[in-house]
Amino acid sequence: MANRILIVDDAAFMRMMIRDILTKNGYEVVGEASDGAQAIEKYKELKPDLTTMDITMPEMDGIVALKEIKKIDGNAKVIMCSAMGQQAMVIDAIQAGAKDFIVKPFQADRVIEAIKKTLG
């Protein structure tokens, strides 16, 4: 069975890019969300195997959403995505429980490598 993935990014274009990379590599995209609050709702509803989460989003950012998802499911696998290669944000994300970090613009092989590594 294909691994089920939830994509969270406030930019529709970015969600489309990730969806494209994932589906071409045999992953099933089960849902998308455009902010952290939506991400939490979708996570509860869909229970994906893995979530890609943008850090910088309106309403609720990815790190807050990640912490909430980890409260719901301590085993949640979340890979953070951000255009800003700011080390402080990477550290925050990892401390909050992110499994990996992908920097935009995405390179397909890096995205797949992070997902394979996270899903084991």
N, C-alpha and C. Protein backbone atom coordinates (compact mmCIF):
# COMPACT_ATOMS: atom_id res chain seq x y z
N MET A 1 0.83 -1.19 0.00
CA MET A 1 0.00 0.00 0.00
C MET A 1 0.88 1.26 0.00
N ALA A 2 0.47 2.23 -0.78
CA ALA A 2 1.25 3.47 -0.86
C ALA A 2 1.17 4.22 0.47
N ASN A 3 2.25 4.90 0.81
CA ASN A 3 2.24 5.71 2.02
C ASN A 3 1.35 6.93 1.80
N ARG A 4 0.56 7.24 2.82
CA ARG A 4 -0.42 8.33 2.74
C ARG A 4 0.18 9.60 3.31
N ILE A 5 0.16 10.66 2.50
CA ILE A 5 0.84 11.90 2.89
C ILE A 5 -0.11 13.10 2.86
N LEU A 6 0.03 13.94 3.88
CA LEU A 6 -0.72 15.20 3.98
C LEU A 6 0.26 16.33 3.67
N ILE A 7 -0.15 17.23 2.78
CA ILE A 7 0.71 18.36 2.39
C ILE A 7 0.14 19.64 3.01
N VAL A 8 0.98 20.37 3.73
CA VAL A 8 0.54 21.63 4.34
C VAL A 8 1.45 22.77 3.88
N ASP A 9 0.85 23.73 3.16
CA ASP A 9 1.59 24.92 2.70
C ASP A 9 0.56 25.97 2.34
N ASP A 10 0.83 27.23 2.68
CA ASP A 10 -0.13 28.27 2.35
C ASP A 10 -0.13 28.62 0.86
N ALA A 11 0.91 28.24 0.13
CA ALA A 11 0.97 28.52 -1.30
C ALA A 11 0.49 27.32 -2.11
N ALA A 12 -0.58 27.51 -2.86
CA ALA A 12 -1.16 26.44 -3.68
C ALA A 12 -0.12 25.89 -4.65
N PHE A 13 0.72 26.77 -5.18
CA PHE A 13 1.76 26.37 -6.13
C PHE A 13 2.74 25.39 -5.48
N MET A 14 3.12 25.66 -4.24
CA MET A 14 4.04 24.77 -3.52
C MET A 14 3.38 23.41 -3.24
N ARG A 15 2.11 23.45 -2.85
CA ARG A 15 1.40 22.18 -2.61
C ARG A 15 1.37 21.36 -3.89
N MET A 16 1.12 22.04 -5.01
CA MET A 16 1.06 21.35 -6.30
C MET A 16 2.42 20.74 -6.65
N MET A 17 3.49 21.48 -6.38
CA MET A 17 4.84 20.97 -6.67
C MET A 17 5.15 19.72 -5.84
N ILE A 18 4.83 19.77 -4.56
CA ILE A 18 5.10 18.62 -3.69
C ILE A 18 4.22 17.43 -4.12
N ARG A 19 2.93 17.71 -4.38
CA ARG A 19 2.00 16.66 -4.81
C ARG A 19 2.55 15.94 -6.04
N ASP A 20 3.07 16.74 -6.98
CA ASP A 20 3.63 16.24 -8.22
C ASP A 20 4.80 15.29 -7.96
N ILE A 21 5.73 15.75 -7.12
CA ILE A 21 6.91 14.95 -6.79
C ILE A 21 6.48 13.64 -6.13
N LEU A 22 5.54 13.73 -5.19
CA LEU A 22 5.11 12.55 -4.43
C LEU A 22 4.38 11.54 -5.30
N THR A 23 3.42 12.01 -6.09
CA THR A 23 2.63 11.08 -6.90
C THR A 23 3.49 10.40 -7.96
N LYS A 24 4.44 11.13 -8.52
CA LYS A 24 5.35 10.54 -9.52
C LYS A 24 6.21 9.44 -8.90
N ASN A 25 6.39 9.50 -7.59
CA ASN A 25 7.22 8.51 -6.89
C ASN A 25 6.40 7.47 -6.13
N GLY A 26 5.13 7.37 -6.46
CA GLY A 26 4.30 6.31 -5.92
C GLY A 26 3.67 6.56 -4.56
N TYR A 27 3.71 7.80 -4.07
CA TYR A 27 3.07 8.11 -2.79
C TYR A 27 1.65 8.58 -3.03
N GLU A 28 0.80 8.38 -2.04
CA GLU A 28 -0.59 8.81 -2.14
C GLU A 28 -0.78 10.08 -1.31
N VAL A 29 -1.21 11.16 -1.97
CA VAL A 29 -1.48 12.40 -1.25
C VAL A 29 -2.94 12.34 -0.81
N VAL A 30 -3.17 12.24 0.51
CA VAL A 30 -4.53 12.06 1.01
C VAL A 30 -5.23 13.36 1.34
N GLY A 31 -4.45 14.46 1.42
CA GLY A 31 -5.08 15.73 1.72
C GLY A 31 -4.10 16.88 1.66
N GLU A 32 -4.66 18.09 1.66
CA GLU A 32 -3.85 19.30 1.66
C GLU A 32 -4.47 20.30 2.63
N ALA A 33 -3.62 21.13 3.21
CA ALA A 33 -4.10 22.20 4.10
C ALA A 33 -3.28 23.44 3.82
N SER A 34 -3.90 24.62 4.03
CA SER A 34 -3.20 25.86 3.70
C SER A 34 -2.76 26.66 4.92
N ASP A 35 -3.06 26.14 6.13
CA ASP A 35 -2.52 26.77 7.35
C ASP A 35 -2.47 25.74 8.47
N GLY A 36 -1.83 26.12 9.56
CA GLY A 36 -1.62 25.18 10.66
C GLY A 36 -2.89 24.65 11.29
N ALA A 37 -3.89 25.52 11.44
CA ALA A 37 -5.16 25.08 12.06
C ALA A 37 -5.83 24.02 11.19
N GLN A 38 -5.83 24.25 9.89
CA GLN A 38 -6.39 23.28 8.94
C GLN A 38 -5.59 21.97 9.00
N ALA A 39 -4.28 22.11 9.12
CA ALA A 39 -3.40 20.94 9.17
C ALA A 39 -3.78 20.02 10.33
N ILE A 40 -4.05 20.60 11.48
CA ILE A 40 -4.40 19.82 12.67
C ILE A 40 -5.72 19.07 12.43
N GLU A 41 -6.71 19.78 11.89
CA GLU A 41 -8.01 19.15 11.59
C GLU A 41 -7.85 18.01 10.60
N LYS A 42 -7.11 18.27 9.52
CA LYS A 42 -6.90 17.25 8.48
C LYS A 42 -6.12 16.07 9.05
N TYR A 43 -5.16 16.34 9.92
CA TYR A 43 -4.37 15.26 10.51
C TYR A 43 -5.28 14.33 11.30
N LYS A 44 -6.15 14.93 12.13
CA LYS A 44 -7.07 14.13 12.95
C LYS A 44 -7.99 13.29 12.06
N GLU A 45 -8.47 13.92 10.99
CA GLU A 45 -9.42 13.27 10.09
C GLU A 45 -8.77 12.18 9.25
N LEU A 46 -7.59 12.46 8.69
CA LEU A 46 -6.98 11.56 7.70
C LEU A 46 -5.95 10.59 8.26
N LYS A 47 -5.37 10.92 9.42
CA LYS A 47 -4.31 10.10 10.02
C LYS A 47 -3.27 9.66 8.98
N PRO A 48 -2.57 10.63 8.36
CA PRO A 48 -1.58 10.28 7.32
C PRO A 48 -0.36 9.59 7.91
N ASP A 49 0.39 8.90 7.05
CA ASP A 49 1.64 8.26 7.47
C ASP A 49 2.73 9.31 7.67
N LEU A 50 2.59 10.42 6.92
CA LEU A 50 3.60 11.46 6.97
C LEU A 50 2.96 12.80 6.57
N THR A 51 3.47 13.89 7.13
CA THR A 51 2.97 15.22 6.79
C THR A 51 4.15 16.10 6.39
N THR A 52 3.99 16.83 5.27
CA THR A 52 4.99 17.86 4.94
C THR A 52 4.38 19.17 5.40
N MET A 53 5.13 19.95 6.15
CA MET A 53 4.58 21.15 6.80
C MET A 53 5.44 22.38 6.53
N ASP A 54 4.81 23.39 5.93
CA ASP A 54 5.50 24.67 5.73
C ASP A 54 5.64 25.32 7.11
N ILE A 55 6.70 26.09 7.30
CA ILE A 55 6.86 26.75 8.60
C ILE A 55 6.09 28.07 8.62
N THR A 56 6.29 28.89 7.60
CA THR A 56 5.72 30.23 7.60
C THR A 56 4.35 30.23 6.94
N MET A 57 3.29 30.34 7.75
CA MET A 57 1.92 30.35 7.23
C MET A 57 1.09 31.33 8.05
N PRO A 58 0.01 31.85 7.44
CA PRO A 58 -0.89 32.74 8.20
C PRO A 58 -1.69 31.93 9.23
N GLU A 59 -2.40 32.60 10.11
CA GLU A 59 -3.23 31.97 11.14
C GLU A 59 -2.38 31.25 12.19
N MET A 60 -1.80 30.12 11.79
CA MET A 60 -0.99 29.33 12.72
C MET A 60 0.22 28.82 11.96
N ASP A 61 1.42 29.07 12.46
CA ASP A 61 2.60 28.62 11.71
C ASP A 61 2.84 27.12 11.90
N GLY A 62 3.75 26.62 11.09
CA GLY A 62 4.00 25.19 11.06
C GLY A 62 4.55 24.61 12.36
N ILE A 63 5.33 25.39 13.09
CA ILE A 63 5.91 24.87 14.33
C ILE A 63 4.84 24.70 15.40
N VAL A 64 3.92 25.66 15.50
CA VAL A 64 2.80 25.55 16.45
C VAL A 64 1.94 24.34 16.05
N ALA A 65 1.65 24.22 14.76
CA ALA A 65 0.83 23.10 14.27
C ALA A 65 1.53 21.77 14.55
N LEU A 66 2.83 21.72 14.33
CA LEU A 66 3.61 20.51 14.59
C LEU A 66 3.47 20.10 16.05
N LYS A 67 3.61 21.06 16.97
CA LYS A 67 3.50 20.76 18.41
C LYS A 67 2.12 20.20 18.74
N GLU A 68 1.08 20.79 18.13
CA GLU A 68 -0.29 20.32 18.38
C GLU A 68 -0.50 18.90 17.83
N ILE A 69 0.02 18.65 16.63
CA ILE A 69 -0.10 17.32 16.03
C ILE A 69 0.63 16.29 16.88
N LYS A 70 1.80 16.66 17.42
CA LYS A 70 2.55 15.74 18.28
C LYS A 70 1.79 15.43 19.58
N LYS A 71 0.96 16.39 20.04
CA LYS A 71 0.14 16.13 21.24
C LYS A 71 -0.93 15.10 20.91
N ILE A 72 -1.48 15.18 19.71
CA ILE A 72 -2.53 14.24 19.26
C ILE A 72 -1.92 12.87 19.02
N ASP A 73 -0.76 12.86 18.36
CA ASP A 73 -0.10 11.62 17.98
C ASP A 73 1.40 11.76 18.18
N GLY A 74 1.88 11.19 19.26
CA GLY A 74 3.30 11.28 19.59
C GLY A 74 4.21 10.67 18.54
N ASN A 75 3.65 9.77 17.71
CA ASN A 75 4.44 9.11 16.67
C ASN A 75 4.32 9.78 15.31
N ALA A 76 3.67 10.93 15.26
CA ALA A 76 3.47 11.63 13.98
C ALA A 76 4.80 11.88 13.30
N LYS A 77 4.85 11.63 11.99
CA LYS A 77 6.05 11.89 11.20
C LYS A 77 5.81 13.15 10.39
N VAL A 78 6.56 14.20 10.72
CA VAL A 78 6.39 15.48 10.05
C VAL A 78 7.73 15.97 9.51
N ILE A 79 7.73 16.37 8.23
CA ILE A 79 8.91 16.97 7.61
C ILE A 79 8.59 18.43 7.38
N MET A 80 9.43 19.32 7.91
CA MET A 80 9.20 20.75 7.76
C MET A 80 9.77 21.26 6.45
N CYS A 81 9.09 22.26 5.87
CA CYS A 81 9.53 22.88 4.62
C CYS A 81 9.59 24.38 4.83
N SER A 82 10.64 25.00 4.32
CA SER A 82 10.71 26.45 4.44
C SER A 82 11.67 27.03 3.42
N ALA A 83 11.34 28.22 2.96
CA ALA A 83 12.22 28.92 2.03
C ALA A 83 13.38 29.52 2.81
N MET A 84 13.15 29.75 4.08
CA MET A 84 14.19 30.38 4.87
C MET A 84 15.08 29.34 5.51
N GLY A 85 16.33 29.33 5.13
CA GLY A 85 17.26 28.36 5.70
C GLY A 85 17.77 28.87 7.03
N GLN A 86 16.88 29.42 7.83
CA GLN A 86 17.30 29.98 9.12
C GLN A 86 17.52 28.86 10.13
N GLN A 87 18.72 28.83 10.65
CA GLN A 87 19.06 27.75 11.57
C GLN A 87 18.18 27.71 12.80
N ALA A 88 17.79 28.87 13.30
CA ALA A 88 16.95 28.90 14.51
C ALA A 88 15.63 28.18 14.25
N MET A 89 15.06 28.40 13.06
CA MET A 89 13.79 27.75 12.73
C MET A 89 13.96 26.25 12.58
N VAL A 90 15.07 25.84 11.97
CA VAL A 90 15.34 24.42 11.81
C VAL A 90 15.44 23.77 13.19
N ILE A 91 16.17 24.41 14.09
CA ILE A 91 16.35 23.89 15.44
C ILE A 91 15.00 23.82 16.18
N ASP A 92 14.20 24.90 16.07
CA ASP A 92 12.86 24.91 16.68
C ASP A 92 12.03 23.74 16.17
N ALA A 93 12.05 23.55 14.86
CA ALA A 93 11.25 22.50 14.24
C ALA A 93 11.69 21.12 14.71
N ILE A 94 12.99 20.89 14.74
CA ILE A 94 13.51 19.58 15.18
C ILE A 94 13.19 19.35 16.66
N GLN A 95 13.36 20.39 17.48
CA GLN A 95 13.04 20.25 18.90
C GLN A 95 11.55 19.99 19.11
N ALA A 96 10.73 20.54 18.23
CA ALA A 96 9.28 20.34 18.35
C ALA A 96 8.87 18.96 17.85
N GLY A 97 9.81 18.25 17.25
CA GLY A 97 9.51 16.87 16.85
C GLY A 97 9.55 16.59 15.37
N ALA A 98 9.97 17.56 14.55
CA ALA A 98 10.06 17.30 13.11
C ALA A 98 11.14 16.25 12.86
N LYS A 99 10.90 15.42 11.85
CA LYS A 99 11.84 14.34 11.53
C LYS A 99 12.92 14.80 10.56
N ASP A 100 12.60 15.82 9.76
CA ASP A 100 13.56 16.29 8.77
C ASP A 100 13.15 17.68 8.32
N PHE A 101 13.94 18.26 7.43
CA PHE A 101 13.74 19.63 7.02
C PHE A 101 14.10 19.75 5.54
N ILE A 102 13.20 20.29 4.74
CA ILE A 102 13.47 20.48 3.31
C ILE A 102 13.43 21.98 3.02
N VAL A 103 14.40 22.45 2.26
CA VAL A 103 14.44 23.87 1.93
C VAL A 103 13.87 24.11 0.53
N LYS A 104 13.06 25.17 0.40
CA LYS A 104 12.53 25.55 -0.91
C LYS A 104 13.58 26.39 -1.63
N PRO A 105 13.64 26.39 -2.94
CA PRO A 105 12.81 25.59 -3.86
C PRO A 105 13.18 24.11 -3.75
N PHE A 106 12.16 23.28 -3.86
CA PHE A 106 12.34 21.85 -3.67
C PHE A 106 13.13 21.21 -4.79
N GLN A 107 13.99 20.28 -4.40
CA GLN A 107 14.64 19.41 -5.37
C GLN A 107 14.00 18.06 -5.14
N ALA A 108 13.41 17.51 -6.21
CA ALA A 108 12.65 16.27 -6.09
C ALA A 108 13.42 15.16 -5.36
N ASP A 109 14.69 14.98 -5.70
CA ASP A 109 15.43 13.89 -5.07
C ASP A 109 15.62 14.11 -3.58
N ARG A 110 15.76 15.37 -3.16
CA ARG A 110 15.91 15.68 -1.73
C ARG A 110 14.59 15.41 -0.99
N VAL A 111 13.47 15.75 -1.62
CA VAL A 111 12.15 15.52 -1.01
C VAL A 111 11.96 14.02 -0.81
N ILE A 112 12.21 13.24 -1.85
CA ILE A 112 12.01 11.78 -1.78
C ILE A 112 12.97 11.16 -0.77
N GLU A 113 14.21 11.63 -0.75
CA GLU A 113 15.21 11.12 0.20
C GLU A 113 14.73 11.35 1.64
N ALA A 114 14.23 12.55 1.92
CA ALA A 114 13.74 12.89 3.27
C ALA A 114 12.55 12.00 3.64
N ILE A 115 11.65 11.78 2.69
CA ILE A 115 10.46 10.98 2.96
C ILE A 115 10.82 9.51 3.19
N LYS A 116 11.67 8.98 2.34
CA LYS A 116 12.10 7.57 2.50
C LYS A 116 12.77 7.37 3.85
N LYS A 117 13.65 8.32 4.21
CA LYS A 117 14.39 8.22 5.47
C LYS A 117 13.41 8.29 6.66
N THR A 118 12.42 9.18 6.57
CA THR A 118 11.48 9.36 7.67
C THR A 118 10.53 8.18 7.82
N LEU A 119 10.09 7.64 6.70
CA LEU A 119 9.17 6.50 6.75
C LEU A 119 9.89 5.19 7.05
N GLY A 120 11.21 5.22 6.93
CA GLY A 120 12.02 4.06 7.25
C GLY A 120 11.82 2.99 6.20
